[in-house]
Amino acid sequence: MPMRAYPALLAVAATVTAACLSIMAGWQRGGFLAERALWVAVGVVLVVAAHLLPALCRPHGWSVRVIGAVLWVSCMAATCYGHAVFFLMAQKHAGELRAAAVLVVTAQGRGLAEIARDRADAVTRLARTNARRCVEPCPSLTAERTAAAARVGALNIEQAEARRAEAAQDRATAARASALADPVTGALTEFGVAAPRAELVTGLAFAAVLEAVACFCWLLALRPTDLTEIAVTPATKGSHAESVTAVTSASNAVAPVAEPVAVEAAPVLRLPVVEQADDVTRVITAVAAGQLRATVTEIRKFLGCSQARAAAVRKQIEPSTI
């Protein structure tokens, strides 16, 4: 697999993920079905534009790049906002699921206020019976005192049970509130950041990182091809092929069998100066034989080289063609 395919795969994965986030965010923000569909379409278009605009505007001039940069910033802002909506809604739903798992504590019996009123009446009655005096033994007074004391004791027990139930309710309420908050953003509140603001900041941070990864990978995947390598390679191959033919034909009188093998075995070891000299010789021979006109275009086609190489050869053969 070529190296260009790896950033392309990562770019496609990031774009698909961002598009899914925009689809979910648009679906949650719309009311009617048509509104949800339009929100989804707008989000997907903005995501694709934010990812591909830098790579598409790179080959153009500065005017197109400036316009593309402005559009790209706008698309990034809208896309990050949509992703933040999704992250906040996802955190809310996750918190609701965690809170639903917390046991619900319901108070049974009377409340503390009602118990406190009855206890006040019982204490008052007990105080009145204790204040009464009887010269002779009074069984009725003793019984009334005992009943008032028992009533106060029962109300004290009921009040303690109500307080324990209320404390259990408070603990359950605190556990549900803690479950509703995201664990990470809840830790950020210790640094003085409000929980809603921390959730918004984390959502925007996740969205910005995802968009940045997608844009950078598309820049790598859609980068232009290296034209230097493509232009030089055919010229070098063509020059070597013609050079072998020319040297072989010129040396037939001296070494008709061994010379072609020597030249063909090491064409790459020739220095650029020798290659250029051989090209000049070939061009001069072709011009003298009437097979070639001494123009840069004809020389470039004949040698299969670049425009600069053909121009250099043309300058070297000028004294011979005058």
Protein backbone atom coordinates (compact mmCIF):
# COMPACT_ATOMS: atom_id res chain seq x y z
CA MET A 1 0.00 0.00 0.00
CA PRO A 2 1.52 3.40 -0.96
CA MET A 3 2.26 5.94 1.74
CA ARG A 4 -0.34 8.33 0.31
CA ALA A 5 -3.09 5.80 1.11
CA TYR A 6 -2.55 5.94 4.88
CA PRO A 7 -3.47 9.63 5.34
CA ALA A 8 -6.33 9.10 2.90
CA LEU A 9 -7.75 6.31 5.05
CA LEU A 10 -7.40 8.39 8.20
CA ALA A 11 -8.96 11.40 6.46
CA VAL A 12 -11.96 9.35 5.28
CA ALA A 13 -12.42 7.91 8.79
CA ALA A 14 -12.29 11.38 10.37
CA THR A 15 -14.71 12.83 7.82
CA VAL A 16 -17.18 9.98 8.25
CA THR A 17 -17.00 10.35 12.04
CA ALA A 18 -17.53 14.11 11.87
CA ALA A 19 -20.43 13.62 9.44
CA CYS A 20 -22.07 11.17 11.85
CA LEU A 21 -21.69 13.69 14.68
CA SER A 22 -23.32 16.37 12.52
CA ILE A 23 -26.14 14.00 11.62
CA MET A 24 -26.85 13.25 15.28
CA ALA A 25 -26.61 16.92 16.25
CA GLY A 26 -28.93 17.99 13.42
CA TRP A 27 -31.41 15.25 14.30
CA GLN A 28 -31.53 16.41 17.93
CA ARG A 29 -31.87 20.10 17.07
CA GLY A 30 -34.78 19.72 14.66
CA GLY A 31 -38.46 19.37 15.51
CA PHE A 32 -40.38 18.12 12.50
CA LEU A 33 -38.94 15.51 10.15
CA ALA A 34 -38.29 18.05 7.38
CA GLU A 35 -36.47 20.33 9.82
CA ARG A 36 -34.29 17.46 11.02
CA ALA A 37 -33.47 16.46 7.44
CA LEU A 38 -32.42 20.02 6.57
CA TRP A 39 -30.32 20.32 9.73
CA VAL A 40 -28.60 17.05 8.84
CA ALA A 41 -27.93 18.18 5.23
CA VAL A 42 -26.50 21.52 6.36
CA GLY A 43 -24.23 19.83 8.91
CA VAL A 44 -22.86 17.30 6.43
CA VAL A 45 -22.15 19.98 3.80
CA LEU A 46 -20.34 22.15 6.34
CA VAL A 47 -18.27 19.19 7.54
CA VAL A 48 -17.16 18.20 4.03
CA ALA A 49 -16.41 21.82 3.12
CA ALA A 50 -14.38 22.37 6.29
CA HIS A 51 -12.29 19.27 5.57
CA LEU A 52 -11.66 19.72 1.84
CA LEU A 53 -11.42 23.49 1.37
CA PRO A 54 -7.72 23.79 2.42
CA ALA A 55 -6.67 20.99 0.05
CA LEU A 56 -8.82 22.27 -2.84
CA CYS A 57 -7.64 25.89 -2.55
CA ARG A 58 -3.93 25.06 -2.31
CA PRO A 59 -3.19 24.95 -6.10
CA HIS A 60 -4.90 28.32 -6.75
CA GLY A 61 -3.71 31.89 -6.36
CA TRP A 62 -3.80 34.14 -3.33
CA SER A 63 -7.22 35.63 -4.08
CA VAL A 64 -8.87 32.21 -4.13
CA ARG A 65 -6.91 31.19 -1.04
CA VAL A 66 -8.09 34.22 0.92
CA ILE A 67 -11.73 33.58 0.04
CA GLY A 68 -11.28 29.91 0.83
CA ALA A 69 -9.70 30.75 4.19
CA VAL A 70 -12.64 32.93 5.18
CA LEU A 71 -15.12 30.23 4.16
CA TRP A 72 -13.03 27.59 5.92
CA VAL A 73 -13.03 29.53 9.21
CA SER A 74 -16.80 29.97 8.98
CA CYS A 75 -17.34 26.28 8.24
CA MET A 76 -15.04 25.27 11.09
CA ALA A 77 -16.91 27.50 13.56
CA ALA A 78 -20.31 26.15 12.50
CA THR A 79 -19.07 22.55 12.51
CA CYS A 80 -17.47 22.83 15.94
CA TYR A 81 -20.67 24.38 17.28
CA GLY A 82 -22.71 21.47 15.92
CA HIS A 83 -20.28 18.94 17.37
CA ALA A 84 -20.40 20.72 20.73
CA VAL A 85 -24.21 20.36 20.69
CA PHE A 86 -23.81 16.63 20.16
CA PHE A 87 -21.23 16.27 22.93
CA LEU A 88 -23.36 18.21 25.42
CA MET A 89 -26.47 16.18 24.58
CA ALA A 90 -24.48 12.94 24.83
CA GLN A 91 -23.14 13.94 28.25
CA LYS A 92 -26.66 14.81 29.37
CA HIS A 93 -28.06 11.46 28.24
CA ALA A 94 -25.19 9.59 29.86
CA GLY A 95 -25.77 11.49 33.11
CA GLU A 96 -29.47 10.63 33.04
CA LEU A 97 -28.63 6.94 32.62
CA ARG A 98 -26.17 7.08 35.54
CA ALA A 99 -28.71 8.91 37.71
CA ALA A 100 -31.38 6.33 36.89
CA ALA A 101 -29.11 3.64 38.32
CA VAL A 102 -29.06 5.36 41.74
CA LEU A 103 -31.56 3.94 44.23
CA VAL A 104 -34.49 6.20 44.97
CA VAL A 105 -35.17 6.72 48.70
CA THR A 106 -38.74 7.64 49.63
CA ALA A 107 -39.73 8.91 53.05
CA GLN A 108 -42.30 6.83 54.93
CA GLY A 109 -44.33 8.25 57.77
CA ARG A 110 -44.81 11.77 58.93
CA GLY A 111 -42.52 14.68 58.34
CA LEU A 112 -40.30 16.35 60.88
CA ALA A 113 -42.51 19.43 61.12
CA GLU A 114 -45.61 17.45 62.07
CA ILE A 115 -43.65 15.33 64.55
CA ALA A 116 -42.18 18.46 66.11
CA ARG A 117 -45.67 19.93 66.69
CA ASP A 118 -46.94 16.74 68.37
CA ARG A 119 -43.80 16.49 70.46
CA ALA A 120 -44.22 20.08 71.64
CA ASP A 121 -47.77 19.30 72.78
CA ALA A 122 -46.63 16.14 74.56
CA VAL A 123 -43.80 17.94 76.35
CA THR A 124 -46.21 20.67 77.43
CA ARG A 125 -48.67 18.13 78.84
CA LEU A 126 -45.86 16.35 80.67
CA ALA A 127 -44.70 19.61 82.18
CA ARG A 128 -48.21 20.42 83.39
CA THR A 129 -48.65 17.04 85.03
CA ASN A 130 -45.30 17.35 86.72
CA ALA A 131 -46.30 20.78 88.06
CA ARG A 132 -49.47 19.44 89.69
CA ARG A 133 -49.23 18.48 93.38
CA CYS A 134 -51.36 16.10 95.38
CA VAL A 135 -51.31 15.77 99.19
CA GLU A 136 -52.52 12.23 99.18
CA PRO A 137 -51.42 9.59 96.71
CA CYS A 138 -53.19 10.29 93.41
CA PRO A 139 -53.15 7.29 91.04
CA SER A 140 -54.74 9.31 88.25
CA LEU A 141 -52.00 11.94 88.31
CA THR A 142 -49.29 9.28 88.30
CA ALA A 143 -50.89 7.57 85.33
CA GLU A 144 -51.18 10.84 83.46
CA ARG A 145 -47.52 11.61 84.05
CA THR A 146 -46.47 8.17 82.86
CA ALA A 147 -48.60 8.47 79.71
CA ALA A 148 -47.19 11.93 78.91
CA ALA A 149 -43.62 10.70 79.35
CA ALA A 150 -44.27 7.69 77.12
CA ARG A 151 -45.79 9.96 74.49
CA VAL A 152 -42.70 12.19 74.51
CA GLY A 153 -40.41 9.15 74.23
CA ALA A 154 -42.34 7.74 71.26
CA LEU A 155 -42.22 11.09 69.51
CA ASN A 156 -38.47 11.29 70.11
CA ILE A 157 -37.98 7.91 68.42
CA GLU A 158 -40.21 8.91 65.53
CA GLN A 159 -38.29 12.15 65.14
CA ALA A 160 -34.95 10.30 65.02
CA GLU A 161 -36.29 7.91 62.36
CA ALA A 162 -37.56 10.82 60.30
CA ARG A 163 -34.16 12.51 60.52
CA ARG A 164 -32.40 9.33 59.33
CA ALA A 165 -34.83 9.02 56.43
CA GLU A 166 -34.29 12.65 55.50
CA ALA A 167 -30.50 12.17 55.61
CA ALA A 168 -30.84 9.12 53.32
CA GLN A 169 -32.91 11.21 50.92
CA ASP A 170 -30.26 13.93 50.95
CA ARG A 171 -27.54 11.39 50.19
CA ALA A 172 -29.57 9.93 47.32
CA THR A 173 -30.19 13.40 45.91
CA ALA A 174 -26.47 14.21 46.09
CA ALA A 175 -25.61 10.90 44.40
CA ARG A 176 -28.05 11.63 41.56
CA ALA A 177 -26.61 15.13 41.14
CA SER A 178 -23.09 13.70 41.06
CA ALA A 179 -24.15 11.05 38.52
CA LEU A 180 -25.68 13.67 36.24
CA ALA A 181 -22.36 15.53 35.97
CA ASP A 182 -19.59 14.19 33.75
CA PRO A 183 -16.68 12.80 35.84
CA VAL A 184 -14.01 14.75 33.94
CA THR A 185 -15.86 18.06 33.87
CA GLY A 186 -16.79 17.52 37.50
CA ALA A 187 -13.09 17.41 38.32
CA LEU A 188 -12.56 20.68 36.43
CA THR A 189 -14.96 22.44 38.78
CA GLU A 190 -12.34 22.13 41.52
CA PHE A 191 -10.27 24.72 39.62
CA GLY A 192 -13.06 27.27 39.80
CA VAL A 193 -14.67 26.50 36.42
CA ALA A 194 -18.43 26.18 36.35
CA ALA A 195 -19.75 22.77 35.29
CA PRO A 196 -21.74 23.99 32.23
CA ARG A 197 -18.77 26.03 31.02
CA ALA A 198 -16.40 23.09 31.53
CA GLU A 199 -18.68 20.81 29.50
CA LEU A 200 -18.86 23.37 26.70
CA VAL A 201 -15.08 23.85 26.64
CA THR A 202 -14.41 20.11 26.53
CA GLY A 203 -16.97 19.62 23.75
CA LEU A 204 -15.43 22.38 21.65
CA ALA A 205 -11.95 20.97 22.28
CA PHE A 206 -12.95 17.50 21.05
CA ALA A 207 -14.63 19.00 17.98
CA ALA A 208 -11.61 21.20 17.14
CA VAL A 209 -9.17 18.27 17.42
CA LEU A 210 -11.32 16.07 15.20
CA GLU A 211 -11.68 18.78 12.55
CA ALA A 212 -7.96 19.57 12.63
CA VAL A 213 -7.02 15.91 12.13
CA ALA A 214 -9.42 15.60 9.19
CA CYS A 215 -8.17 18.78 7.49
CA PHE A 216 -4.51 17.87 7.91
CA CYS A 217 -5.00 14.32 6.61
CA TRP A 218 -6.87 15.59 3.54
CA LEU A 219 -4.00 18.01 2.89
CA LEU A 220 -1.59 15.07 2.93
CA ALA A 221 -3.83 12.82 0.87
CA LEU A 222 -4.58 15.42 -1.84
CA ARG A 223 -1.11 16.94 -2.09
CA PRO A 224 0.08 17.52 -5.70
CA THR A 225 2.34 14.96 -7.36
CA ASP A 226 6.08 15.62 -7.36
CA LEU A 227 6.56 16.91 -10.93
CA THR A 228 10.33 17.04 -10.66
CA GLU A 229 10.67 13.29 -10.39
CA ILE A 230 8.30 12.68 -13.30
CA ALA A 231 10.08 15.17 -15.57
CA VAL A 232 13.62 13.99 -14.87
CA THR A 233 13.14 10.23 -15.01
CA PRO A 234 12.03 9.94 -18.67
CA ALA A 235 14.74 12.35 -19.77
CA THR A 236 17.43 10.32 -18.05
CA LYS A 237 16.14 7.04 -19.44
CA GLY A 238 15.82 8.45 -22.94
CA SER A 239 19.29 9.94 -22.83
CA HIS A 240 20.81 6.63 -21.73
CA ALA A 241 18.98 4.67 -24.40
CA GLU A 242 20.03 6.97 -27.21
CA SER A 243 23.54 7.21 -25.81
CA VAL A 244 23.97 3.45 -26.03
CA THR A 245 22.82 3.42 -29.63
CA ALA A 246 25.07 6.29 -30.67
CA VAL A 247 28.20 4.94 -29.02
CA THR A 248 27.56 1.49 -30.43
CA SER A 249 27.24 2.75 -33.97
CA ALA A 250 30.26 5.03 -33.67
CA SER A 251 32.53 2.33 -32.31
CA ASN A 252 31.67 -0.46 -34.74
CA ALA A 253 34.97 -0.01 -36.54
CA VAL A 254 37.06 -0.39 -33.40
CA ALA A 255 35.29 -2.98 -31.21
CA PRO A 256 32.14 -4.28 -32.84
CA VAL A 257 31.48 -6.97 -30.20
CA ALA A 258 32.84 -5.78 -26.83
CA GLU A 259 31.90 -2.10 -26.92
CA PRO A 260 28.09 -2.40 -26.80
CA VAL A 261 28.33 -4.64 -23.75
CA ALA A 262 30.59 -2.21 -21.90
CA VAL A 263 28.38 0.80 -22.59
CA GLU A 264 25.16 -1.05 -21.81
CA ALA A 265 26.54 -2.48 -18.56
CA ALA A 266 27.36 0.87 -16.96
CA PRO A 267 25.31 3.68 -18.46
CA VAL A 268 24.49 5.10 -15.03
CA LEU A 269 28.14 5.62 -14.07
CA ARG A 270 28.63 8.35 -16.67
CA LEU A 271 29.07 11.86 -15.40
CA PRO A 272 26.62 14.55 -16.45
CA VAL A 273 29.34 16.30 -18.44
CA VAL A 274 30.04 13.20 -20.54
CA GLU A 275 26.33 12.69 -21.15
CA GLN A 276 25.94 16.27 -22.27
CA ALA A 277 28.98 15.97 -24.55
CA ASP A 278 27.52 12.83 -26.12
CA ASP A 279 24.22 14.62 -26.67
CA VAL A 280 26.03 17.52 -28.34
CA THR A 281 27.86 15.07 -30.61
CA ARG A 282 24.64 13.33 -31.55
CA VAL A 283 22.87 16.59 -32.29
CA ILE A 284 25.77 17.88 -34.41
CA THR A 285 25.83 14.61 -36.36
CA ALA A 286 22.06 14.69 -36.93
CA VAL A 287 22.13 18.34 -38.01
CA ALA A 288 25.01 17.69 -40.39
CA ALA A 289 23.15 14.72 -41.91
CA GLY A 290 20.03 16.86 -42.41
CA GLN A 291 17.97 14.74 -40.04
CA LEU A 292 17.40 17.49 -37.48
CA ARG A 293 16.89 21.25 -37.35
CA ALA A 294 18.96 23.15 -34.78
CA THR A 295 16.03 24.41 -32.72
CA VAL A 296 15.37 23.91 -29.04
CA THR A 297 12.06 22.16 -29.69
CA GLU A 298 13.53 19.72 -32.21
CA ILE A 299 16.53 19.03 -29.98
CA ARG A 300 14.26 18.36 -27.00
CA LYS A 301 12.17 15.90 -29.03
CA PHE A 302 15.29 14.25 -30.47
CA LEU A 303 17.04 13.76 -27.11
CA GLY A 304 13.91 13.24 -25.05
CA CYS A 305 15.20 15.68 -22.44
CA SER A 306 13.94 18.77 -20.65
CA GLN A 307 13.63 22.26 -22.12
CA ALA A 308 16.63 23.55 -20.13
CA ARG A 309 18.84 20.67 -21.30
CA ALA A 310 17.83 21.23 -24.92
CA ALA A 311 18.61 24.95 -24.61
CA ALA A 312 22.06 24.17 -23.17
CA VAL A 313 22.82 21.78 -26.04
CA ARG A 314 21.61 24.39 -28.54
CA LYS A 315 24.06 26.95 -27.17
CA GLN A 316 26.96 24.48 -27.42
CA ILE A 317 26.28 23.61 -31.05
CA GLU A 318 25.88 27.23 -32.20
CA PRO A 319 29.54 27.56 -33.36
CA SER A 320 29.20 24.34 -35.39
CA THR A 321 25.94 25.36 -37.09
CA ILE A 322 27.02 28.85 -38.17
